[in-house]
């Protein structure tokens, strides 16, 4: 049984969380949606550390990032499906 590299909490999320050390670009990730235990695969287009986010779809500047079914911030630079999502392309809407 293959272990997942990415967990998605809610089926409406547009990011998943890396759950392995040192995810590398080019990895065909096994992704598990914890809400219903469904699975899919996704190609990592960039490396990302454990606990960081990966985009599940293409998202444009000004779009919202949804994690845990909640809006967690605004995209400040376009993000392609499979790319690392972090402070370089995502900002909080609080300030």
PDB file of N, CA and C in Angstrom:
ATOM      1  N   UNK A   1       0.846  -1.189   0.000  1.00  0.00           N
ATOM      2  CA  UNK A   1       0.000   0.000   0.000  1.00  0.00           C
ATOM      3  C   UNK A   1       0.886   1.246   0.000  1.00  0.00           C
ATOM      4  N   UNK A   2       0.639   2.117  -0.945  1.00  0.00           N
ATOM      5  CA  UNK A   2       1.401   3.354  -1.081  1.00  0.00           C
ATOM      6  C   UNK A   2       0.902   4.403  -0.087  1.00  0.00           C
ATOM      7  N   UNK A   3       1.826   5.132   0.522  1.00  0.00           N
ATOM      8  CA  UNK A   3       1.459   6.178   1.473  1.00  0.00           C
ATOM      9  C   UNK A   3       1.256   7.506   0.744  1.00  0.00           C
ATOM     10  N   UNK A   4       0.282   8.291   1.189  1.00  0.00           N
ATOM     11  CA  UNK A   4       0.036   9.580   0.532  1.00  0.00           C
ATOM     12  C   UNK A   4       1.165  10.574   0.792  1.00  0.00           C
ATOM     13  N   UNK A   5       1.378  11.453  -0.192  1.00  0.00           N
ATOM     14  CA  UNK A   5       2.321  12.560  -0.030  1.00  0.00           C
ATOM     15  C   UNK A   5       1.584  13.877   0.229  1.00  0.00           C
ATOM     16  N   UNK A   6       0.284  13.906  -0.085  1.00  0.00           N
ATOM     17  CA  UNK A   6      -0.494  15.133   0.057  1.00  0.00           C
ATOM     18  C   UNK A   6      -1.856  14.801   0.643  1.00  0.00           C
ATOM     19  N   UNK A   7      -2.275  15.581   1.644  1.00  0.00           N
ATOM     20  CA  UNK A   7      -3.611  15.425   2.218  1.00  0.00           C
ATOM     21  C   UNK A   7      -4.449  16.650   1.880  1.00  0.00           C
ATOM     22  N   UNK A   8      -5.680  16.396   1.484  1.00  0.00           N
ATOM     23  CA  UNK A   8      -6.663  17.436   1.201  1.00  0.00           C
ATOM     24  C   UNK A   8      -7.776  17.229   2.218  1.00  0.00           C
ATOM     25  N   UNK A   9      -8.118  18.273   2.950  1.00  0.00           N
ATOM     26  CA  UNK A   9      -9.060  18.110   4.058  1.00  0.00           C
ATOM     27  C   UNK A   9     -10.523  18.148   3.634  1.00  0.00           C
ATOM     28  N   UNK A  10     -10.848  18.994   2.685  1.00  0.00           N
ATOM     29  CA  UNK A  10     -12.233  19.196   2.255  1.00  0.00           C
ATOM     30  C   UNK A  10     -12.268  19.096   0.732  1.00  0.00           C
ATOM     31  N   UNK A  11     -13.275  18.468   0.178  1.00  0.00           N
ATOM     32  CA  UNK A  11     -13.306  18.288  -1.278  1.00  0.00           C
ATOM     33  C   UNK A  11     -13.456  19.593  -2.042  1.00  0.00           C
ATOM     34  N   UNK A  12     -13.737  20.697  -1.359  1.00  0.00           N
ATOM     35  CA  UNK A  12     -13.805  22.008  -2.007  1.00  0.00           C
ATOM     36  C   UNK A  12     -12.495  22.784  -1.914  1.00  0.00           C
ATOM     37  N   UNK A  13     -11.494  22.228  -1.227  1.00  0.00           N
ATOM     38  CA  UNK A  13     -10.187  22.889  -1.103  1.00  0.00           C
ATOM     39  C   UNK A  13      -9.504  22.984  -2.461  1.00  0.00           C
ATOM     40  N   UNK A  14      -8.699  24.038  -2.647  1.00  0.00           N
ATOM     41  CA  UNK A  14      -7.891  24.122  -3.857  1.00  0.00           C
ATOM     42  C   UNK A  14      -6.406  23.988  -3.565  1.00  0.00           C
ATOM     43  N   UNK A  15      -6.077  23.578  -2.327  1.00  0.00           N
ATOM     44  CA  UNK A  15      -4.712  23.217  -1.949  1.00  0.00           C
ATOM     45  C   UNK A  15      -4.735  21.965  -1.086  1.00  0.00           C
ATOM     46  N   UNK A  16      -3.617  21.263  -1.086  1.00  0.00           N
ATOM     47  CA  UNK A  16      -3.410  20.142  -0.189  1.00  0.00           C
ATOM     48  C   UNK A  16      -2.148  20.392   0.611  1.00  0.00           C
ATOM     49  N   UNK A  17      -1.951  19.628   1.677  1.00  0.00           N
ATOM     50  CA  UNK A  17      -0.812  19.792   2.571  1.00  0.00           C
ATOM     51  C   UNK A  17       0.166  18.644   2.379  1.00  0.00           C
ATOM     52  N   UNK A  18       1.437  19.000   2.185  1.00  0.00           N
ATOM     53  CA  UNK A  18       2.503  18.012   2.030  1.00  0.00           C
ATOM     54  C   UNK A  18       2.696  17.279   3.356  1.00  0.00           C
ATOM     55  N   UNK A  19       2.705  15.951   3.313  1.00  0.00           N
ATOM     56  CA  UNK A  19       2.832  15.154   4.535  1.00  0.00           C
ATOM     57  C   UNK A  19       4.062  14.242   4.517  1.00  0.00           C
ATOM     58  N   UNK A  20       5.034  14.551   3.660  1.00  0.00           N
ATOM     59  CA  UNK A  20       6.301  13.815   3.614  1.00  0.00           C
ATOM     60  C   UNK A  20       7.438  14.818   3.669  1.00  0.00           C
ATOM     61  N   UNK A  21       8.587  14.377   4.153  1.00  0.00           N
ATOM     62  CA  UNK A  21       9.768  15.226   4.179  1.00  0.00           C
ATOM     63  C   UNK A  21      10.277  15.457   2.761  1.00  0.00           C
ATOM     64  N   UNK A  22      10.611  16.694   2.457  1.00  0.00           N
ATOM     65  CA  UNK A  22      11.309  17.048   1.219  1.00  0.00           C
ATOM     66  C   UNK A  22      10.646  16.533  -0.051  1.00  0.00           C
ATOM     67  N   UNK A  23       9.411  16.903  -0.266  1.00  0.00           N
ATOM     68  CA  UNK A  23       8.735  16.592  -1.525  1.00  0.00           C
ATOM     69  C   UNK A  23       9.500  17.263  -2.657  1.00  0.00           C
ATOM     70  N   UNK A  24       9.838  16.517  -3.697  1.00  0.00           N
ATOM     71  CA  UNK A  24      10.638  17.070  -4.782  1.00  0.00           C
ATOM     72  C   UNK A  24       9.820  17.253  -6.055  1.00  0.00           C
ATOM     73  N   UNK A  25      10.219  18.263  -6.812  1.00  0.00           N
ATOM     74  CA  UNK A  25       9.615  18.535  -8.110  1.00  0.00           C
ATOM     75  C   UNK A  25       9.656  17.278  -8.969  1.00  0.00           C
ATOM     76  N   UNK A  26       8.563  17.012  -9.655  1.00  0.00           N
ATOM     77  CA  UNK A  26       8.493  15.847 -10.531  1.00  0.00           C
ATOM     78  C   UNK A  26       7.895  14.610  -9.885  1.00  0.00           C
ATOM     79  N   UNK A  27       7.610  14.678  -8.579  1.00  0.00           N
ATOM     80  CA  UNK A  27       7.002  13.541  -7.879  1.00  0.00           C
ATOM     81  C   UNK A  27       5.541  13.398  -8.282  1.00  0.00           C
ATOM     82  N   UNK A  28       5.136  12.197  -8.662  1.00  0.00           N
ATOM     83  CA  UNK A  28       3.724  11.897  -8.902  1.00  0.00           C
ATOM     84  C   UNK A  28       3.135  11.571  -7.529  1.00  0.00           C
ATOM     85  N   UNK A  29       2.430  12.530  -6.938  1.00  0.00           N
ATOM     86  CA  UNK A  29       1.957  12.412  -5.561  1.00  0.00           C
ATOM     87  C   UNK A  29       0.658  11.619  -5.483  1.00  0.00           C
ATOM     88  N   UNK A  30       0.561  10.772  -4.477  1.00  0.00           N
ATOM     89  CA  UNK A  30      -0.710  10.182  -4.106  1.00  0.00           C
ATOM     90  C   UNK A  30      -1.365  11.173  -3.151  1.00  0.00           C
ATOM     91  N   UNK A  31      -2.566  11.625  -3.489  1.00  0.00           N
ATOM     92  CA  UNK A  31      -3.299  12.610  -2.703  1.00  0.00           C
ATOM     93  C   UNK A  31      -4.552  11.946  -2.138  1.00  0.00           C
ATOM     94  N   UNK A  32      -4.816  12.184  -0.855  1.00  0.00           N
ATOM     95  CA  UNK A  32      -5.991  11.612  -0.198  1.00  0.00           C
ATOM     96  C   UNK A  32      -6.846  12.751   0.350  1.00  0.00           C
ATOM     97  N   UNK A  33      -8.138  12.694   0.051  1.00  0.00           N
ATOM     98  CA  UNK A  33      -9.105  13.656   0.581  1.00  0.00           C
ATOM     99  C   UNK A  33      -9.649  13.052   1.873  1.00  0.00           C
ATOM    100  N   UNK A  34      -9.321  13.665   3.010  1.00  0.00           N
ATOM    101  CA  UNK A  34      -9.699  13.081   4.302  1.00  0.00           C
ATOM    102  C   UNK A  34     -11.202  13.127   4.551  1.00  0.00           C
ATOM    103  N   UNK A  35     -11.905  14.048   3.900  1.00  0.00           N
ATOM    104  CA  UNK A  35     -13.355  14.171   4.080  1.00  0.00           C
ATOM    105  C   UNK A  35     -14.091  12.889   3.676  1.00  0.00           C
ATOM    106  N   UNK A  36     -13.634  12.265   2.581  1.00  0.00           N
ATOM    107  CA  UNK A  36     -14.324  11.059   2.108  1.00  0.00           C
ATOM    108  C   UNK A  36     -13.377   9.897   1.774  1.00  0.00           C
ATOM    109  N   UNK A  37     -12.097  10.074   2.108  1.00  0.00           N
ATOM    110  CA  UNK A  37     -11.068   9.050   1.899  1.00  0.00           C
ATOM    111  C   UNK A  37     -10.858   8.702   0.419  1.00  0.00           C
ATOM    112  N   UNK A  38     -11.232   9.605  -0.486  1.00  0.00           N
ATOM    113  CA  UNK A  38     -10.980   9.386  -1.912  1.00  0.00           C
ATOM    114  C   UNK A  38      -9.513   9.692  -2.223  1.00  0.00           C
ATOM    115  N   UNK A  39      -9.059   9.210  -3.371  1.00  0.00           N
ATOM    116  CA  UNK A  39      -7.668   9.375  -3.774  1.00  0.00           C
ATOM    117  C   UNK A  39      -7.581   9.884  -5.200  1.00  0.00           C
ATOM    118  N   UNK A  40      -6.485  10.599  -5.489  1.00  0.00           N
ATOM    119  CA  UNK A  40      -6.147  10.996  -6.850  1.00  0.00           C
ATOM    120  C   UNK A  40      -4.643  11.221  -6.899  1.00  0.00           C
ATOM    121  N   UNK A  41      -4.095  11.374  -8.086  1.00  0.00           N
ATOM    122  CA  UNK A  41      -2.669  11.668  -8.216  1.00  0.00           C
ATOM    123  C   UNK A  41      -2.500  13.066  -8.800  1.00  0.00           C
ATOM    124  N   UNK A  42      -1.346  13.660  -8.495  1.00  0.00           N
ATOM    125  CA  UNK A  42      -1.028  15.005  -8.950  1.00  0.00           C
ATOM    126  C   UNK A  42       0.486  15.109  -9.077  1.00  0.00           C
ATOM    127  N   UNK A  43       0.960  15.716 -10.151  1.00  0.00           N
ATOM    128  CA  UNK A  43       2.384  15.920 -10.362  1.00  0.00           C
ATOM    129  C   UNK A  43       2.837  17.173  -9.625  1.00  0.00           C
ATOM    130  N   UNK A  44       3.864  17.030  -8.781  1.00  0.00           N
ATOM    131  CA  UNK A  44       4.444  18.183  -8.088  1.00  0.00           C
ATOM    132  C   UNK A  44       5.295  18.964  -9.086  1.00  0.00           C
ATOM    133  N   UNK A  45       4.919  20.214  -9.349  1.00  0.00           N
ATOM    134  CA  UNK A  45       5.672  21.050 -10.287  1.00  0.00           C
ATOM    135  C   UNK A  45       6.762  21.853  -9.599  1.00  0.00           C
ATOM    136  N   UNK A  46       6.811  21.768  -8.272  1.00  0.00           N
ATOM    137  CA  UNK A  46       7.891  22.396  -7.517  1.00  0.00           C
ATOM    138  C   UNK A  46       8.072  21.619  -6.220  1.00  0.00           C
ATOM    139  N   UNK A  47       9.252  21.742  -5.649  1.00  0.00           N
ATOM    140  CA  UNK A  47       9.541  21.092  -4.368  1.00  0.00           C
ATOM    141  C   UNK A  47       8.861  21.868  -3.247  1.00  0.00           C
ATOM    142  N   UNK A  48       8.552  21.178  -2.139  1.00  0.00           N
ATOM    143  CA  UNK A  48       7.921  21.840  -0.994  1.00  0.00           C
ATOM    144  C   UNK A  48       8.215  21.046   0.268  1.00  0.00           C
ATOM    145  N   UNK A  49       8.468  21.741   1.376  1.00  0.00           N
ATOM    146  CA  UNK A  49       8.712  21.049   2.639  1.00  0.00           C
ATOM    147  C   UNK A  49       7.425  20.521   3.269  1.00  0.00           C
ATOM    148  N   UNK A  50       7.582  19.606   4.200  1.00  0.00           N
ATOM    149  CA  UNK A  50       6.446  19.052   4.924  1.00  0.00           C
ATOM    150  C   UNK A  50       5.656  20.189   5.587  1.00  0.00           C
ATOM    151  N   UNK A  51       4.333  20.084   5.537  1.00  0.00           N
ATOM    152  CA  UNK A  51       3.459  21.084   6.145  1.00  0.00           C
ATOM    153  C   UNK A  51       3.081  22.233   5.230  1.00  0.00           C
ATOM    154  N   UNK A  52       3.755  22.348   4.082  1.00  0.00           N
ATOM    155  CA  UNK A  52       3.444  23.424   3.141  1.00  0.00           C
ATOM    156  C   UNK A  52       2.351  22.979   2.178  1.00  0.00           C
ATOM    157  N   UNK A  53       1.819  23.919   1.422  1.00  0.00           N
ATOM    158  CA  UNK A  53       0.684  23.659   0.539  1.00  0.00           C
ATOM    159  C   UNK A  53       1.115  23.506  -0.913  1.00  0.00           C
ATOM    160  N   UNK A  54       0.336  22.711  -1.658  1.00  0.00           N
ATOM    161  CA  UNK A  54       0.486  22.530  -3.097  1.00  0.00           C
ATOM    162  C   UNK A  54      -0.878  22.837  -3.724  1.00  0.00           C
ATOM    163  N   UNK A  55      -0.872  23.599  -4.828  1.00  0.00           N
ATOM    164  CA  UNK A  55      -2.115  23.940  -5.519  1.00  0.00           C
ATOM    165  C   UNK A  55      -2.695  22.724  -6.234  1.00  0.00           C
ATOM    166  N   UNK A  56      -3.992  22.524  -6.091  1.00  0.00           N
ATOM    167  CA  UNK A  56      -4.688  21.417  -6.755  1.00  0.00           C
ATOM    168  C   UNK A  56      -5.235  21.832  -8.116  1.00  0.00           C
ATOM    169  N   UNK A  57      -5.326  23.133  -8.349  1.00  0.00           N
ATOM    170  CA  UNK A  57      -5.815  23.690  -9.615  1.00  0.00           C
ATOM    171  C   UNK A  57      -4.979  24.923  -9.936  1.00  0.00           C
ATOM    172  N   UNK A  58      -5.083  25.412 -11.144  1.00  0.00           N
ATOM    173  CA  UNK A  58      -4.483  26.705 -11.473  1.00  0.00           C
ATOM    174  C   UNK A  58      -5.288  27.779 -10.752  1.00  0.00           C
ATOM    175  N   UNK A  59      -4.591  28.722 -10.112  1.00  0.00           N
ATOM    176  CA  UNK A  59      -5.261  29.831  -9.439  1.00  0.00           C
ATOM    177  C   UNK A  59      -4.589  31.135  -9.863  1.00  0.00           C
ATOM    178  N   UNK A  60      -5.409  32.141 -10.097  1.00  0.00           N
ATOM    179  CA  UNK A  60      -4.898  33.416 -10.593  1.00  0.00           C
ATOM    180  C   UNK A  60      -4.777  34.462  -9.507  1.00  0.00           C
ATOM    181  N   UNK A  61      -4.046  35.505  -9.835  1.00  0.00           N
ATOM    182  CA  UNK A  61      -3.875  36.630  -8.927  1.00  0.00           C
ATOM    183  C   UNK A  61      -5.240  37.166  -8.510  1.00  0.00           C
ATOM    184  N   UNK A  62      -5.426  37.362  -7.209  1.00  0.00           N
ATOM    185  CA  UNK A  62      -6.688  37.846  -6.664  1.00  0.00           C
ATOM    186  C   UNK A  62      -7.638  36.739  -6.234  1.00  0.00           C
ATOM    187  N   UNK A  63      -7.394  35.500  -6.688  1.00  0.00           N
ATOM    188  CA  UNK A  63      -8.239  34.372  -6.280  1.00  0.00           C
ATOM    189  C   UNK A  63      -8.013  34.038  -4.809  1.00  0.00           C
ATOM    190  N   UNK A  64      -8.938  33.319  -4.231  1.00  0.00           N
ATOM    191  CA  UNK A  64      -8.825  32.860  -2.844  1.00  0.00           C
ATOM    192  C   UNK A  64      -8.240  31.453  -2.799  1.00  0.00           C
ATOM    193  N   UNK A  65      -7.474  31.196  -1.759  1.00  0.00           N
ATOM    194  CA  UNK A  65      -6.997  29.839  -1.476  1.00  0.00           C
ATOM    195  C   UNK A  65      -7.919  29.265  -0.408  1.00  0.00           C
ATOM    196  N   UNK A  66      -8.426  28.067  -0.679  1.00  0.00           N
ATOM    197  CA  UNK A  66      -9.358  27.398   0.228  1.00  0.00           C
ATOM    198  C   UNK A  66      -8.666  26.174   0.825  1.00  0.00           C
ATOM    199  N   UNK A  67      -8.598  26.145   2.152  1.00  0.00           N
ATOM    200  CA  UNK A  67      -8.013  25.031   2.909  1.00  0.00           C
ATOM    201  C   UNK A  67      -8.938  24.759   4.089  1.00  0.00           C
ATOM    202  N   UNK A  68      -9.198  23.486   4.385  1.00  0.00           N
ATOM    203  CA  UNK A  68     -10.168  23.103   5.427  1.00  0.00           C
ATOM    204  C   UNK A  68     -11.563  23.629   5.096  1.00  0.00           C
ATOM    205  N   UNK A  69     -11.826  23.888   3.804  1.00  0.00           N
ATOM    206  CA  UNK A  69     -13.112  24.439   3.403  1.00  0.00           C
ATOM    207  C   UNK A  69     -13.259  25.923   3.699  1.00  0.00           C
ATOM    208  N   UNK A  70     -12.169  26.572   4.120  1.00  0.00           N
ATOM    209  CA  UNK A  70     -12.195  27.985   4.510  1.00  0.00           C
ATOM    210  C   UNK A  70     -11.248  28.808   3.644  1.00  0.00           C
ATOM    211  N   UNK A  71     -11.597  30.058   3.428  1.00  0.00           N
ATOM    212  CA  UNK A  71     -10.751  31.007   2.699  1.00  0.00           C
ATOM    213  C   UNK A  71      -9.588  31.398   3.620  1.00  0.00           C
ATOM    214  N   UNK A  72      -8.355  31.058   3.215  1.00  0.00           N
ATOM    215  CA  UNK A  72      -7.201  31.366   4.076  1.00  0.00           C
ATOM    216  C   UNK A  72      -6.329  32.489   3.529  1.00  0.00           C
ATOM    217  N   UNK A  73      -6.654  33.021   2.343  1.00  0.00           N
ATOM    218  CA  UNK A  73      -5.841  34.120   1.821  1.00  0.00           C
ATOM    219  C   UNK A  73      -6.070  34.386   0.356  1.00  0.00           C
ATOM    220  N   UNK A  74      -5.351  35.419  -0.130  1.00  0.00           N
ATOM    221  CA  UNK A  74      -5.474  35.906  -1.500  1.00  0.00           C
ATOM    222  C   UNK A  74      -4.187  35.621  -2.269  1.00  0.00           C
ATOM    223  N   UNK A  75      -4.349  35.132  -3.475  1.00  0.00           N
ATOM    224  CA  UNK A  75      -3.206  34.843  -4.344  1.00  0.00           C
ATOM    225  C   UNK A  75      -2.644  36.167  -4.865  1.00  0.00           C
ATOM    226  N   UNK A  76      -1.315  36.364  -4.736  1.00  0.00           N
ATOM    227  CA  UNK A  76      -0.675  37.603  -5.196  1.00  0.00           C
ATOM    228  C   UNK A  76       0.186  37.383  -6.439  1.00  0.00           C
ATOM    229  N   UNK A  77       0.341  36.155  -6.862  1.00  0.00           N
ATOM    230  CA  UNK A  77       1.041  35.811  -8.107  1.00  0.00           C
ATOM    231  C   UNK A  77       0.411  34.516  -8.611  1.00  0.00           C
ATOM    232  N   UNK A  78       0.221  34.374  -9.916  1.00  0.00           N
ATOM    233  CA  UNK A  78      -0.416  33.159 -10.438  1.00  0.00           C
ATOM    234  C   UNK A  78       0.290  31.893  -9.959  1.00  0.00           C
ATOM    235  N   UNK A  79      -0.517  30.863  -9.678  1.00  0.00           N
ATOM    236  CA  UNK A  79       0.008  29.581  -9.192  1.00  0.00           C
ATOM    237  C   UNK A  79      -0.547  28.486 -10.096  1.00  0.00           C
ATOM    238  N   UNK A  80       0.340  27.676 -10.642  1.00  0.00           N
ATOM    239  CA  UNK A  80      -0.091  26.568 -11.496  1.00  0.00           C
ATOM    240  C   UNK A  80      -0.402  25.339 -10.651  1.00  0.00           C
ATOM    241  N   UNK A  81      -1.284  24.524 -11.164  1.00  0.00           N
ATOM    242  CA  UNK A  81      -1.607  23.242 -10.534  1.00  0.00           C
ATOM    243  C   UNK A  81      -0.305  22.483 -10.275  1.00  0.00           C
ATOM    244  N   UNK A  82      -0.126  22.051  -9.025  1.00  0.00           N
ATOM    245  CA  UNK A  82       1.069  21.294  -8.643  1.00  0.00           C
ATOM    246  C   UNK A  82       2.199  22.128  -8.068  1.00  0.00           C
ATOM    247  N   UNK A  83       2.040  23.462  -8.035  1.00  0.00           N
ATOM    248  CA  UNK A  83       3.096  24.329  -7.510  1.00  0.00           C
ATOM    249  C   UNK A  83       2.935  24.594  -6.008  1.00  0.00           C
ATOM    250  N   UNK A  84       4.055  24.929  -5.393  1.00  0.00           N
ATOM    251  CA  UNK A  84       4.153  25.288  -3.981  1.00  0.00           C
ATOM    252  C   UNK A  84       3.371  26.577  -3.720  1.00  0.00           C
ATOM    253  N   UNK A  85       2.564  26.576  -2.668  1.00  0.00           N
ATOM    254  CA  UNK A  85       1.790  27.749  -2.258  1.00  0.00           C
ATOM    255  C   UNK A  85       2.319  28.172  -0.894  1.00  0.00           C
ATOM    256  N   UNK A  86       2.827  29.398  -0.817  1.00  0.00           N
ATOM    257  CA  UNK A  86       3.393  29.884   0.448  1.00  0.00           C
ATOM    258  C   UNK A  86       3.433  31.415   0.409  1.00  0.00           C
ATOM    259  N   UNK A  87       4.223  32.036   1.255  1.00  0.00           N
ATOM    260  CA  UNK A  87       4.230  33.496   1.402  1.00  0.00           C
ATOM    261  C   UNK A  87       4.676  34.240   0.145  1.00  0.00           C
ATOM    262  N   UNK A  88       5.332  33.576  -0.781  1.00  0.00           N
ATOM    263  CA  UNK A  88       5.769  34.238  -2.014  1.00  0.00           C
ATOM    264  C   UNK A  88       4.623  34.433  -3.016  1.00  0.00           C
ATOM    265  N   UNK A  89       3.514  33.711  -2.833  1.00  0.00           N
ATOM    266  CA  UNK A  89       2.397  33.841  -3.770  1.00  0.00           C
ATOM    267  C   UNK A  89       1.027  33.874  -3.080  1.00  0.00           C
ATOM    268  N   UNK A  90       1.008  33.958  -1.762  1.00  0.00           N
ATOM    269  CA  UNK A  90      -0.228  33.974  -0.975  1.00  0.00           C
ATOM    270  C   UNK A  90      -0.091  34.946   0.182  1.00  0.00           C
ATOM    271  N   UNK A  91      -1.086  35.790   0.357  1.00  0.00           N
ATOM    272  CA  UNK A  91      -1.096  36.751   1.473  1.00  0.00           C
ATOM    273  C   UNK A  91      -2.424  36.643   2.219  1.00  0.00           C
ATOM    274  N   UNK A  92      -2.380  36.937   3.499  1.00  0.00           N
ATOM    275  CA  UNK A  92      -3.593  36.967   4.306  1.00  0.00           C
ATOM    276  C   UNK A  92      -4.494  38.116   3.860  1.00  0.00           C
ATOM    277  N   UNK A  93      -5.767  37.977   4.097  1.00  0.00           N
ATOM    278  CA  UNK A  93      -6.720  39.051   3.806  1.00  0.00           C
ATOM    279  C   UNK A  93      -6.999  39.888   5.065  1.00  0.00           C
ATOM    280  N   UNK A  94      -6.356  39.543   6.155  1.00  0.00           N
ATOM    281  CA  UNK A  94      -6.612  40.235   7.421  1.00  0.00           C
ATOM    282  C   UNK A  94      -6.077  41.659   7.438  1.00  0.00           C
ATOM    283  N   UNK A  95      -4.961  41.901   6.743  1.00  0.00           N
ATOM    284  CA  UNK A  95      -4.342  43.237   6.782  1.00  0.00           C
ATOM    285  C   UNK A  95      -4.292  43.819   5.410  1.00  0.00           C
TER     286      UNK A  95
END
